[in-house]
Amino acid sequence: MEAKNYYINEYAVVDEGVTIGEGTKIWHFSHIQSGAKIGKKCVFGQNVNVGNNVSIGDYCKVQNNVSIYEGVTLEDYVFCGPSMVFTNILDPKCKYPQVGADFYVKTLVKEGASIGANATIVCGVTLGKHCLIGAGAVVTKDVPDYALIVGVPARQVGWVSEAGKRLNFDENNIAVCEKSKKKYQLVDGIVKEIT
């Protein structure tokens, strides 16, 4: 018998045809559906559902009570806070069901994005690299890289570093992250890391 290089709790359900990377941990009452691809060193908390054919990168952390539906893609280092919500259909109606991948509207969560507890991500958007979505926010449109997003409906209120610290730009549009000491520049509404 081949030794597993990941952990699946005895009360979790992992369907056939799932790929799980080295060092990943899947805790109790979670369900990973067929065709899902999960990278290395991810952590899935209690009661997480990963839908069919979902792609999840390396080093992601998905907290308790999160469902990642088919059509959602998480790149590396994505954080999903407790009970945050993804959707995959824009106009759901029980009387007019839309079942199957042809109906699903895709959502992309780029590298290093963090989504706070109880936030809702309406399908069809892209969350930029290293953005930070505040707890309870309802995101209905694309989010730029490094953006700080809060509220209902969600709006941008600032910028954050890769480490999640608020960036305060000087008169030259340069900011330094207090945690990592990395430098950032704001040009024409776009934040980039500089050396």
N, C-alpha and C. Protein backbone atom coordinates (compact mmCIF):
# COMPACT_ATOMS: atom_id res chain seq x y z
N MET A 1 0.84 -1.19 0.00
CA MET A 1 0.00 0.00 0.00
C MET A 1 0.88 1.25 0.00
N GLU A 2 0.52 2.20 -0.84
CA GLU A 2 1.31 3.42 -0.97
C GLU A 2 1.07 4.34 0.23
N ALA A 3 2.12 4.85 0.83
CA ALA A 3 2.00 5.76 1.97
C ALA A 3 1.51 7.13 1.49
N LYS A 4 0.59 7.71 2.25
CA LYS A 4 0.08 9.04 1.91
C LYS A 4 1.01 10.09 2.52
N ASN A 5 1.26 11.14 1.76
CA ASN A 5 2.10 12.22 2.27
C ASN A 5 1.27 13.45 2.59
N TYR A 6 0.01 13.22 2.97
CA TYR A 6 -0.92 14.28 3.40
C TYR A 6 -1.81 13.69 4.47
N TYR A 7 -2.62 14.54 5.13
CA TYR A 7 -3.47 14.07 6.22
C TYR A 7 -4.94 14.29 5.86
N ILE A 8 -5.74 13.23 6.02
CA ILE A 8 -7.19 13.33 5.87
C ILE A 8 -7.81 12.77 7.15
N ASN A 9 -8.57 13.60 7.85
CA ASN A 9 -9.23 13.15 9.07
C ASN A 9 -10.20 12.01 8.75
N GLU A 10 -10.36 11.11 9.70
CA GLU A 10 -11.22 9.94 9.46
C GLU A 10 -12.68 10.32 9.19
N TYR A 11 -13.10 11.53 9.58
CA TYR A 11 -14.48 11.96 9.35
C TYR A 11 -14.62 12.87 8.13
N ALA A 12 -13.57 13.02 7.36
CA ALA A 12 -13.64 13.77 6.10
C ALA A 12 -13.96 12.79 4.97
N VAL A 13 -14.54 13.31 3.89
CA VAL A 13 -14.87 12.49 2.73
C VAL A 13 -14.09 13.04 1.53
N VAL A 14 -13.31 12.19 0.90
CA VAL A 14 -12.56 12.56 -0.31
C VAL A 14 -12.98 11.60 -1.41
N ASP A 15 -13.60 12.16 -2.45
CA ASP A 15 -14.10 11.34 -3.56
C ASP A 15 -12.96 10.80 -4.42
N GLU A 16 -13.29 9.89 -5.30
CA GLU A 16 -12.32 9.36 -6.26
C GLU A 16 -11.92 10.47 -7.23
N GLY A 17 -10.70 10.37 -7.76
CA GLY A 17 -10.25 11.30 -8.78
C GLY A 17 -9.83 12.66 -8.26
N VAL A 18 -9.44 12.73 -7.00
CA VAL A 18 -8.96 13.97 -6.37
C VAL A 18 -7.44 13.93 -6.30
N THR A 19 -6.79 15.07 -6.55
CA THR A 19 -5.35 15.18 -6.41
C THR A 19 -5.06 16.04 -5.19
N ILE A 20 -4.22 15.54 -4.27
CA ILE A 20 -3.90 16.26 -3.05
C ILE A 20 -2.38 16.34 -2.92
N GLY A 21 -1.87 17.55 -2.72
CA GLY A 21 -0.44 17.77 -2.63
C GLY A 21 0.15 17.38 -1.28
N GLU A 22 1.46 17.22 -1.29
CA GLU A 22 2.22 16.82 -0.11
C GLU A 22 2.02 17.80 1.04
N GLY A 23 1.79 17.27 2.23
CA GLY A 23 1.71 18.08 3.43
C GLY A 23 0.37 18.75 3.66
N THR A 24 -0.59 18.55 2.78
CA THR A 24 -1.92 19.15 2.96
C THR A 24 -2.67 18.43 4.07
N LYS A 25 -3.50 19.19 4.81
CA LYS A 25 -4.31 18.63 5.91
C LYS A 25 -5.78 18.96 5.66
N ILE A 26 -6.62 17.92 5.76
CA ILE A 26 -8.05 18.07 5.57
C ILE A 26 -8.74 17.58 6.84
N TRP A 27 -9.42 18.48 7.54
CA TRP A 27 -9.97 18.16 8.85
C TRP A 27 -11.39 17.63 8.76
N HIS A 28 -11.97 17.30 9.92
CA HIS A 28 -13.22 16.55 9.99
C HIS A 28 -14.42 17.27 9.38
N PHE A 29 -15.31 16.44 8.86
CA PHE A 29 -16.58 16.84 8.24
C PHE A 29 -16.39 17.61 6.94
N SER A 30 -15.18 17.61 6.41
CA SER A 30 -14.94 18.26 5.11
C SER A 30 -15.21 17.26 3.98
N HIS A 31 -15.51 17.81 2.79
CA HIS A 31 -15.80 16.97 1.62
C HIS A 31 -15.05 17.54 0.43
N ILE A 32 -14.21 16.74 -0.17
CA ILE A 32 -13.48 17.11 -1.37
C ILE A 32 -14.07 16.29 -2.52
N GLN A 33 -14.67 16.98 -3.50
CA GLN A 33 -15.40 16.28 -4.56
C GLN A 33 -14.50 15.93 -5.74
N SER A 34 -14.98 15.02 -6.56
CA SER A 34 -14.17 14.45 -7.64
C SER A 34 -13.64 15.51 -8.59
N GLY A 35 -12.44 15.28 -9.05
CA GLY A 35 -11.80 16.18 -10.00
C GLY A 35 -11.10 17.37 -9.38
N ALA A 36 -11.25 17.56 -8.08
CA ALA A 36 -10.59 18.68 -7.40
C ALA A 36 -9.07 18.46 -7.40
N LYS A 37 -8.34 19.56 -7.57
CA LYS A 37 -6.87 19.51 -7.53
C LYS A 37 -6.42 20.47 -6.44
N ILE A 38 -5.75 19.93 -5.44
CA ILE A 38 -5.32 20.70 -4.28
C ILE A 38 -3.80 20.64 -4.20
N GLY A 39 -3.17 21.78 -4.02
CA GLY A 39 -1.73 21.86 -3.96
C GLY A 39 -1.14 21.38 -2.65
N LYS A 40 0.14 21.67 -2.47
CA LYS A 40 0.85 21.19 -1.29
C LYS A 40 0.69 22.16 -0.12
N LYS A 41 0.78 21.57 1.08
CA LYS A 41 0.80 22.29 2.35
C LYS A 41 -0.38 23.24 2.53
N CYS A 42 -1.55 22.80 2.06
CA CYS A 42 -2.79 23.53 2.32
C CYS A 42 -3.42 23.01 3.61
N VAL A 43 -4.28 23.83 4.22
CA VAL A 43 -5.02 23.42 5.41
C VAL A 43 -6.50 23.73 5.18
N PHE A 44 -7.34 22.71 5.36
CA PHE A 44 -8.78 22.85 5.24
C PHE A 44 -9.40 22.57 6.60
N GLY A 45 -10.08 23.55 7.18
CA GLY A 45 -10.66 23.41 8.50
C GLY A 45 -11.89 22.53 8.51
N GLN A 46 -12.62 22.61 9.60
CA GLN A 46 -13.83 21.80 9.78
C GLN A 46 -14.92 22.23 8.81
N ASN A 47 -15.61 21.24 8.23
CA ASN A 47 -16.81 21.48 7.42
C ASN A 47 -16.54 22.32 6.18
N VAL A 48 -15.45 22.02 5.49
CA VAL A 48 -15.12 22.70 4.22
C VAL A 48 -15.59 21.81 3.07
N ASN A 49 -16.19 22.41 2.06
CA ASN A 49 -16.59 21.68 0.86
C ASN A 49 -15.83 22.23 -0.33
N VAL A 50 -15.15 21.34 -1.05
CA VAL A 50 -14.45 21.72 -2.27
C VAL A 50 -15.17 21.03 -3.43
N GLY A 51 -15.73 21.82 -4.34
CA GLY A 51 -16.56 21.29 -5.42
C GLY A 51 -15.78 20.55 -6.48
N ASN A 52 -16.54 19.91 -7.37
CA ASN A 52 -15.95 19.18 -8.48
C ASN A 52 -15.04 20.08 -9.30
N ASN A 53 -13.89 19.56 -9.67
CA ASN A 53 -12.98 20.20 -10.63
C ASN A 53 -12.42 21.54 -10.18
N VAL A 54 -12.53 21.86 -8.90
CA VAL A 54 -11.95 23.10 -8.38
C VAL A 54 -10.43 22.96 -8.33
N SER A 55 -9.74 24.05 -8.65
CA SER A 55 -8.28 24.08 -8.60
C SER A 55 -7.82 25.00 -7.47
N ILE A 56 -6.99 24.45 -6.58
CA ILE A 56 -6.48 25.19 -5.43
C ILE A 56 -4.96 25.06 -5.43
N GLY A 57 -4.28 26.19 -5.30
CA GLY A 57 -2.82 26.21 -5.35
C GLY A 57 -2.18 25.70 -4.08
N ASP A 58 -0.90 26.02 -3.93
CA ASP A 58 -0.11 25.62 -2.77
C ASP A 58 -0.29 26.60 -1.61
N TYR A 59 -0.12 26.11 -0.40
CA TYR A 59 -0.07 26.93 0.83
C TYR A 59 -1.35 27.72 1.08
N CYS A 60 -2.49 27.22 0.64
CA CYS A 60 -3.76 27.90 0.91
C CYS A 60 -4.30 27.47 2.27
N LYS A 61 -5.04 28.39 2.92
CA LYS A 61 -5.68 28.07 4.19
C LYS A 61 -7.15 28.41 4.07
N VAL A 62 -7.99 27.39 4.25
CA VAL A 62 -9.43 27.55 4.15
C VAL A 62 -10.02 27.24 5.52
N GLN A 63 -10.58 28.25 6.16
CA GLN A 63 -11.10 28.10 7.52
C GLN A 63 -12.44 27.38 7.53
N ASN A 64 -12.98 27.16 8.72
CA ASN A 64 -14.21 26.40 8.91
C ASN A 64 -15.38 26.95 8.11
N ASN A 65 -16.23 26.03 7.63
CA ASN A 65 -17.54 26.34 7.04
C ASN A 65 -17.45 27.12 5.73
N VAL A 66 -16.47 26.81 4.91
CA VAL A 66 -16.33 27.46 3.60
C VAL A 66 -16.62 26.44 2.51
N SER A 67 -17.41 26.85 1.50
CA SER A 67 -17.64 26.03 0.31
C SER A 67 -16.99 26.70 -0.89
N ILE A 68 -16.13 25.97 -1.56
CA ILE A 68 -15.48 26.47 -2.77
C ILE A 68 -16.10 25.73 -3.94
N TYR A 69 -17.04 26.40 -4.61
CA TYR A 69 -17.84 25.75 -5.64
C TYR A 69 -17.10 25.63 -6.96
N GLU A 70 -17.57 24.70 -7.79
CA GLU A 70 -17.01 24.54 -9.13
C GLU A 70 -17.07 25.87 -9.86
N GLY A 71 -15.98 26.21 -10.54
CA GLY A 71 -15.86 27.50 -11.21
C GLY A 71 -14.97 28.47 -10.47
N VAL A 72 -14.63 28.15 -9.21
CA VAL A 72 -13.74 28.99 -8.41
C VAL A 72 -12.32 28.42 -8.48
N THR A 73 -11.34 29.31 -8.69
CA THR A 73 -9.93 28.91 -8.69
C THR A 73 -9.19 29.74 -7.65
N LEU A 74 -8.42 29.08 -6.80
CA LEU A 74 -7.56 29.75 -5.84
C LEU A 74 -6.11 29.53 -6.25
N GLU A 75 -5.36 30.61 -6.41
CA GLU A 75 -3.93 30.48 -6.66
C GLU A 75 -3.21 30.23 -5.32
N ASP A 76 -1.88 30.28 -5.31
CA ASP A 76 -1.09 29.99 -4.11
C ASP A 76 -1.33 31.03 -3.01
N TYR A 77 -1.18 30.57 -1.76
CA TYR A 77 -1.20 31.42 -0.56
C TYR A 77 -2.50 32.20 -0.37
N VAL A 78 -3.62 31.66 -0.81
CA VAL A 78 -4.91 32.32 -0.59
C VAL A 78 -5.44 31.93 0.79
N PHE A 79 -5.98 32.92 1.50
CA PHE A 79 -6.61 32.70 2.81
C PHE A 79 -8.11 32.95 2.68
N CYS A 80 -8.91 31.97 3.09
CA CYS A 80 -10.37 32.11 3.12
C CYS A 80 -10.83 32.04 4.57
N GLY A 81 -11.32 33.15 5.10
CA GLY A 81 -11.72 33.23 6.50
C GLY A 81 -12.96 32.42 6.80
N PRO A 82 -13.24 32.21 8.09
CA PRO A 82 -14.37 31.37 8.50
C PRO A 82 -15.69 31.85 7.90
N SER A 83 -16.43 30.89 7.37
CA SER A 83 -17.80 31.12 6.88
C SER A 83 -17.91 32.13 5.75
N MET A 84 -16.79 32.44 5.06
CA MET A 84 -16.92 33.29 3.87
C MET A 84 -17.61 32.49 2.77
N VAL A 85 -18.16 33.21 1.78
CA VAL A 85 -19.02 32.56 0.80
C VAL A 85 -18.57 32.88 -0.63
N PHE A 86 -18.44 31.83 -1.43
CA PHE A 86 -18.32 31.98 -2.88
C PHE A 86 -19.67 31.62 -3.50
N THR A 87 -19.94 32.16 -4.70
CA THR A 87 -21.10 31.73 -5.47
C THR A 87 -20.60 31.30 -6.85
N ASN A 88 -21.47 30.65 -7.63
CA ASN A 88 -21.05 30.31 -8.99
C ASN A 88 -22.17 30.49 -10.03
N ILE A 89 -23.32 31.00 -9.61
CA ILE A 89 -24.41 31.32 -10.53
C ILE A 89 -24.92 32.71 -10.18
N LEU A 90 -25.12 33.55 -11.20
CA LEU A 90 -25.54 34.94 -10.96
C LEU A 90 -27.04 35.09 -10.70
N ASP A 91 -27.86 34.21 -11.27
CA ASP A 91 -29.31 34.34 -11.13
C ASP A 91 -29.95 33.01 -10.76
N PRO A 92 -29.67 32.50 -9.56
CA PRO A 92 -30.17 31.19 -9.17
C PRO A 92 -31.69 31.21 -8.94
N LYS A 93 -32.38 30.23 -9.50
CA LYS A 93 -33.82 30.07 -9.32
C LYS A 93 -34.12 28.58 -9.23
N CYS A 94 -34.81 28.16 -8.19
CA CYS A 94 -35.13 26.74 -8.03
C CYS A 94 -36.03 26.24 -9.15
N LYS A 95 -36.96 27.09 -9.60
CA LYS A 95 -37.91 26.66 -10.63
C LYS A 95 -37.23 26.52 -12.00
N TYR A 96 -36.10 27.20 -12.17
CA TYR A 96 -35.35 27.16 -13.43
C TYR A 96 -33.90 26.78 -13.14
N PRO A 97 -33.69 25.53 -12.77
CA PRO A 97 -32.35 25.13 -12.31
C PRO A 97 -31.29 25.25 -13.41
N GLN A 98 -30.09 25.58 -12.95
CA GLN A 98 -28.93 25.68 -13.83
C GLN A 98 -27.87 24.76 -13.27
N VAL A 99 -27.84 23.55 -13.75
CA VAL A 99 -26.97 22.53 -13.20
C VAL A 99 -25.88 22.20 -14.21
N GLY A 100 -24.66 22.18 -13.75
CA GLY A 100 -23.54 21.80 -14.60
C GLY A 100 -22.62 22.97 -14.90
N ALA A 101 -21.40 22.62 -15.24
CA ALA A 101 -20.34 23.61 -15.42
C ALA A 101 -20.64 24.64 -16.50
N ASP A 102 -21.47 24.31 -17.47
CA ASP A 102 -21.80 25.27 -18.53
C ASP A 102 -22.48 26.51 -17.99
N PHE A 103 -23.13 26.40 -16.84
CA PHE A 103 -23.87 27.52 -16.26
C PHE A 103 -23.03 28.33 -15.26
N TYR A 104 -21.90 27.77 -14.83
CA TYR A 104 -21.14 28.39 -13.74
C TYR A 104 -20.31 29.56 -14.25
N VAL A 105 -20.36 30.65 -13.50
CA VAL A 105 -19.60 31.86 -13.81
C VAL A 105 -18.30 31.80 -13.02
N LYS A 106 -17.17 31.92 -13.68
CA LYS A 106 -15.87 31.67 -13.05
C LYS A 106 -15.42 32.84 -12.15
N THR A 107 -14.74 32.46 -11.09
CA THR A 107 -14.14 33.40 -10.14
C THR A 107 -12.68 33.02 -9.97
N LEU A 108 -11.80 34.02 -10.03
CA LEU A 108 -10.37 33.79 -9.84
C LEU A 108 -9.88 34.57 -8.64
N VAL A 109 -9.23 33.86 -7.71
CA VAL A 109 -8.62 34.49 -6.54
C VAL A 109 -7.12 34.34 -6.71
N LYS A 110 -6.45 35.48 -6.93
CA LYS A 110 -5.03 35.44 -7.26
C LYS A 110 -4.14 35.26 -6.03
N GLU A 111 -2.88 34.99 -6.30
CA GLU A 111 -1.88 34.68 -5.27
C GLU A 111 -1.91 35.65 -4.10
N GLY A 112 -1.95 35.09 -2.90
CA GLY A 112 -1.80 35.89 -1.70
C GLY A 112 -3.02 36.67 -1.27
N ALA A 113 -4.13 36.55 -1.97
CA ALA A 113 -5.34 37.27 -1.57
C ALA A 113 -5.86 36.70 -0.25
N SER A 114 -6.42 37.58 0.59
CA SER A 114 -7.02 37.16 1.85
C SER A 114 -8.45 37.65 1.92
N ILE A 115 -9.35 36.74 2.29
CA ILE A 115 -10.78 37.04 2.35
C ILE A 115 -11.23 36.86 3.79
N GLY A 116 -11.77 37.92 4.38
CA GLY A 116 -12.15 37.90 5.79
C GLY A 116 -13.40 37.09 6.07
N ALA A 117 -13.62 36.82 7.35
CA ALA A 117 -14.75 36.03 7.81
C ALA A 117 -16.07 36.62 7.32
N ASN A 118 -16.96 35.74 6.89
CA ASN A 118 -18.32 36.10 6.48
C ASN A 118 -18.40 37.01 5.26
N ALA A 119 -17.31 37.21 4.55
CA ALA A 119 -17.37 37.97 3.30
C ALA A 119 -18.07 37.13 2.24
N THR A 120 -18.67 37.80 1.25
CA THR A 120 -19.31 37.13 0.13
C THR A 120 -18.65 37.59 -1.16
N ILE A 121 -18.25 36.63 -1.98
CA ILE A 121 -17.63 36.93 -3.28
C ILE A 121 -18.62 36.50 -4.35
N VAL A 122 -19.27 37.47 -4.99
CA VAL A 122 -20.22 37.15 -6.05
C VAL A 122 -19.44 36.69 -7.27
N CYS A 123 -19.91 35.64 -7.92
CA CYS A 123 -19.14 35.01 -9.00
C CYS A 123 -18.91 35.96 -10.17
N GLY A 124 -17.87 35.64 -10.93
CA GLY A 124 -17.54 36.42 -12.11
C GLY A 124 -16.50 37.49 -11.88
N VAL A 125 -15.91 37.53 -10.68
CA VAL A 125 -14.92 38.56 -10.38
C VAL A 125 -13.53 37.93 -10.27
N THR A 126 -12.53 38.81 -10.33
CA THR A 126 -11.15 38.44 -10.05
C THR A 126 -10.68 39.23 -8.85
N LEU A 127 -10.15 38.54 -7.85
CA LEU A 127 -9.54 39.19 -6.69
C LEU A 127 -8.05 39.26 -6.94
N GLY A 128 -7.49 40.47 -6.95
CA GLY A 128 -6.10 40.69 -7.31
C GLY A 128 -5.11 40.12 -6.31
N LYS A 129 -3.87 40.03 -6.74
CA LYS A 129 -2.79 39.52 -5.90
C LYS A 129 -2.68 40.32 -4.61
N HIS A 130 -2.58 39.60 -3.51
CA HIS A 130 -2.30 40.16 -2.18
C HIS A 130 -3.35 41.16 -1.70
N CYS A 131 -4.54 41.17 -2.33
CA CYS A 131 -5.59 42.05 -1.83
C CYS A 131 -6.10 41.53 -0.49
N LEU A 132 -6.81 42.39 0.23
CA LEU A 132 -7.37 42.04 1.53
C LEU A 132 -8.84 42.44 1.54
N ILE A 133 -9.71 41.44 1.66
CA ILE A 133 -11.15 41.66 1.69
C ILE A 133 -11.58 41.62 3.15
N GLY A 134 -12.14 42.71 3.65
CA GLY A 134 -12.53 42.80 5.05
C GLY A 134 -13.68 41.87 5.41
N ALA A 135 -13.79 41.56 6.69
CA ALA A 135 -14.85 40.69 7.19
C ALA A 135 -16.22 41.27 6.82
N GLY A 136 -17.09 40.41 6.31
CA GLY A 136 -18.46 40.80 6.00
C GLY A 136 -18.66 41.56 4.71
N ALA A 137 -17.60 41.84 3.97
CA ALA A 137 -17.73 42.59 2.71
C ALA A 137 -18.48 41.76 1.67
N VAL A 138 -19.20 42.45 0.78
CA VAL A 138 -19.88 41.79 -0.33
C VAL A 138 -19.26 42.30 -1.63
N VAL A 139 -18.42 41.47 -2.26
CA VAL A 139 -17.64 41.88 -3.43
C VAL A 139 -18.41 41.54 -4.69
N THR A 140 -18.68 42.57 -5.51
CA THR A 140 -19.47 42.38 -6.73
C THR A 140 -18.70 42.76 -7.99
N LYS A 141 -17.45 43.22 -7.83
CA LYS A 141 -16.65 43.59 -9.01
C LYS A 141 -15.19 43.27 -8.76
N ASP A 142 -14.39 43.31 -9.82
CA ASP A 142 -12.98 42.97 -9.73
C ASP A 142 -12.27 43.84 -8.70
N VAL A 143 -11.25 43.25 -8.07
CA VAL A 143 -10.47 43.91 -7.03
C VAL A 143 -9.04 44.01 -7.51
N PRO A 144 -8.43 45.21 -7.48
CA PRO A 144 -7.03 45.36 -7.92
C PRO A 144 -6.05 44.65 -6.99
N ASP A 145 -4.86 44.38 -7.51
CA ASP A 145 -3.77 43.87 -6.67
C ASP A 145 -3.54 44.83 -5.51
N TYR A 146 -3.30 44.27 -4.32
CA TYR A 146 -2.94 45.01 -3.10
C TYR A 146 -4.06 45.91 -2.56
N ALA A 147 -5.27 45.81 -3.07
CA ALA A 147 -6.36 46.68 -2.62
C ALA A 147 -6.91 46.21 -1.27
N LEU A 148 -7.33 47.18 -0.45
CA LEU A 148 -8.04 46.93 0.80
C LEU A 148 -9.51 47.23 0.56
N ILE A 149 -10.36 46.22 0.73
CA ILE A 149 -11.76 46.29 0.34
C ILE A 149 -12.63 46.02 1.57
N VAL A 150 -13.65 46.88 1.81
CA VAL A 150 -14.57 46.68 2.93
C VAL A 150 -15.99 47.09 2.53
N GLY A 151 -16.96 46.64 3.31
CA GLY A 151 -18.31 47.18 3.21
C GLY A 151 -19.28 46.39 2.35
N VAL A 152 -20.54 46.90 2.37
CA VAL A 152 -21.64 46.31 1.62
C VAL A 152 -22.37 47.43 0.91
N PRO A 153 -22.32 47.52 -0.42
CA PRO A 153 -21.43 46.71 -1.26
C PRO A 153 -19.98 47.10 -1.03
N ALA A 154 -19.07 46.20 -1.36
CA ALA A 154 -17.65 46.43 -1.07
C ALA A 154 -17.10 47.59 -1.88
N ARG A 155 -16.20 48.34 -1.24
CA ARG A 155 -15.52 49.46 -1.90
C ARG A 155 -14.07 49.48 -1.41
N GLN A 156 -13.21 50.08 -2.21
CA GLN A 156 -11.80 50.16 -1.84
C GLN A 156 -11.58 51.34 -0.91
N VAL A 157 -10.85 51.08 0.18
CA VAL A 157 -10.56 52.14 1.16
C VAL A 157 -9.06 52.36 1.35
N GLY A 158 -8.23 51.64 0.59
CA GLY A 158 -6.80 51.82 0.73
C GLY A 158 -6.05 50.70 0.05
N TRP A 159 -4.77 50.59 0.45
CA TRP A 159 -3.86 49.60 -0.11
C TRP A 159 -3.16 48.85 1.02
N VAL A 160 -2.81 47.59 0.75
CA VAL A 160 -2.06 46.80 1.72
C VAL A 160 -0.84 46.17 1.05
N SER A 161 0.13 45.82 1.87
CA SER A 161 1.32 45.14 1.38
C SER A 161 1.04 43.65 1.22
N GLU A 162 2.00 42.95 0.67
CA GLU A 162 1.92 41.49 0.57
C GLU A 162 1.69 40.87 1.94
N ALA A 163 2.22 41.50 2.99
CA ALA A 163 2.07 41.00 4.36
C ALA A 163 0.78 41.45 5.02
N GLY A 164 -0.06 42.21 4.29
CA GLY A 164 -1.35 42.62 4.81
C GLY A 164 -1.35 43.89 5.64
N LYS A 165 -0.26 44.63 5.63
CA LYS A 165 -0.18 45.87 6.39
C LYS A 165 -0.63 47.05 5.52
N ARG A 166 -1.32 47.99 6.13
CA ARG A 166 -1.81 49.17 5.40
C ARG A 166 -0.62 49.97 4.87
N LEU A 167 -0.71 50.38 3.60
CA LEU A 167 0.36 51.15 2.98
C LEU A 167 0.01 52.62 2.99
N ASN A 168 0.94 53.44 3.48
CA ASN A 168 0.77 54.89 3.50
C ASN A 168 1.83 55.48 2.57
N PHE A 169 1.37 55.97 1.43
CA PHE A 169 2.28 56.46 0.40
C PHE A 169 2.72 57.89 0.70
N ASP A 170 4.02 58.16 0.48
CA ASP A 170 4.56 59.51 0.70
C ASP A 170 4.34 60.37 -0.54
N GLU A 171 4.93 61.56 -0.54
CA GLU A 171 4.74 62.51 -1.64
C GLU A 171 5.28 61.99 -2.97
N ASN A 172 6.17 60.98 -2.90
CA ASN A 172 6.71 60.36 -4.11
C ASN A 172 5.97 59.07 -4.49
N ASN A 173 4.83 58.85 -3.82
CA ASN A 173 4.01 57.65 -4.03
C ASN A 173 4.77 56.36 -3.72
N ILE A 174 5.62 56.42 -2.69
CA ILE A 174 6.37 55.26 -2.21
C ILE A 174 5.89 54.93 -0.80
N ALA A 175 5.74 53.64 -0.52
CA ALA A 175 5.37 53.18 0.83
C ALA A 175 6.24 51.99 1.19
N VAL A 176 6.48 51.83 2.50
CA VAL A 176 7.27 50.72 3.01
C VAL A 176 6.41 49.92 3.97
N CYS A 177 6.36 48.60 3.78
CA CYS A 177 5.60 47.74 4.68
C CYS A 177 6.31 47.66 6.02
N GLU A 178 5.58 47.95 7.08
CA GLU A 178 6.19 47.93 8.42
C GLU A 178 6.58 46.53 8.86
N LYS A 179 5.97 45.50 8.28
CA LYS A 179 6.26 44.13 8.68
C LYS A 179 7.41 43.53 7.88
N SER A 180 7.33 43.60 6.55
CA SER A 180 8.33 42.95 5.70
C SER A 180 9.46 43.88 5.26
N LYS A 181 9.23 45.19 5.39
CA LYS A 181 10.17 46.23 4.93
C LYS A 181 10.26 46.32 3.40
N LYS A 182 9.37 45.62 2.70
CA LYS A 182 9.34 45.73 1.24
C LYS A 182 8.79 47.09 0.84
N LYS A 183 9.26 47.59 -0.33
CA LYS A 183 8.83 48.90 -0.82
C LYS A 183 7.81 48.74 -1.95
N TYR A 184 6.87 49.68 -1.99
CA TYR A 184 5.82 49.68 -2.99
C TYR A 184 5.69 51.07 -3.60
N GLN A 185 5.25 51.09 -4.86
CA GLN A 185 5.02 52.36 -5.55
C GLN A 185 3.61 52.36 -6.14
N LEU A 186 2.93 53.50 -6.03
CA LEU A 186 1.61 53.68 -6.58
C LEU A 186 1.72 54.59 -7.80
N VAL A 187 1.37 54.04 -8.97
CA VAL A 187 1.43 54.81 -10.22
C VAL A 187 0.14 54.58 -11.00
N ASP A 188 -0.59 55.66 -11.27
CA ASP A 188 -1.81 55.59 -12.05
C ASP A 188 -2.79 54.55 -11.50
N GLY A 189 -2.93 54.52 -10.18
CA GLY A 189 -3.88 53.62 -9.56
C GLY A 189 -3.46 52.16 -9.49
N ILE A 190 -2.19 51.89 -9.74
CA ILE A 190 -1.66 50.52 -9.70
C ILE A 190 -0.50 50.47 -8.72
N VAL A 191 -0.56 49.51 -7.80
CA VAL A 191 0.52 49.33 -6.82
C VAL A 191 1.43 48.20 -7.29
N LYS A 192 2.75 48.47 -7.22
CA LYS A 192 3.73 47.45 -7.56
C LYS A 192 4.83 47.45 -6.52
N GLU A 193 5.34 46.23 -6.26
CA GLU A 193 6.50 46.11 -5.39
C GLU A 193 7.73 46.57 -6.16
N ILE A 194 8.60 47.34 -5.48
CA ILE A 194 9.83 47.82 -6.12
C ILE A 194 11.02 47.35 -5.31
N THR A 195 12.20 47.35 -5.95
CA THR A 195 13.41 46.90 -5.25
C THR A 195 14.24 48.09 -4.85
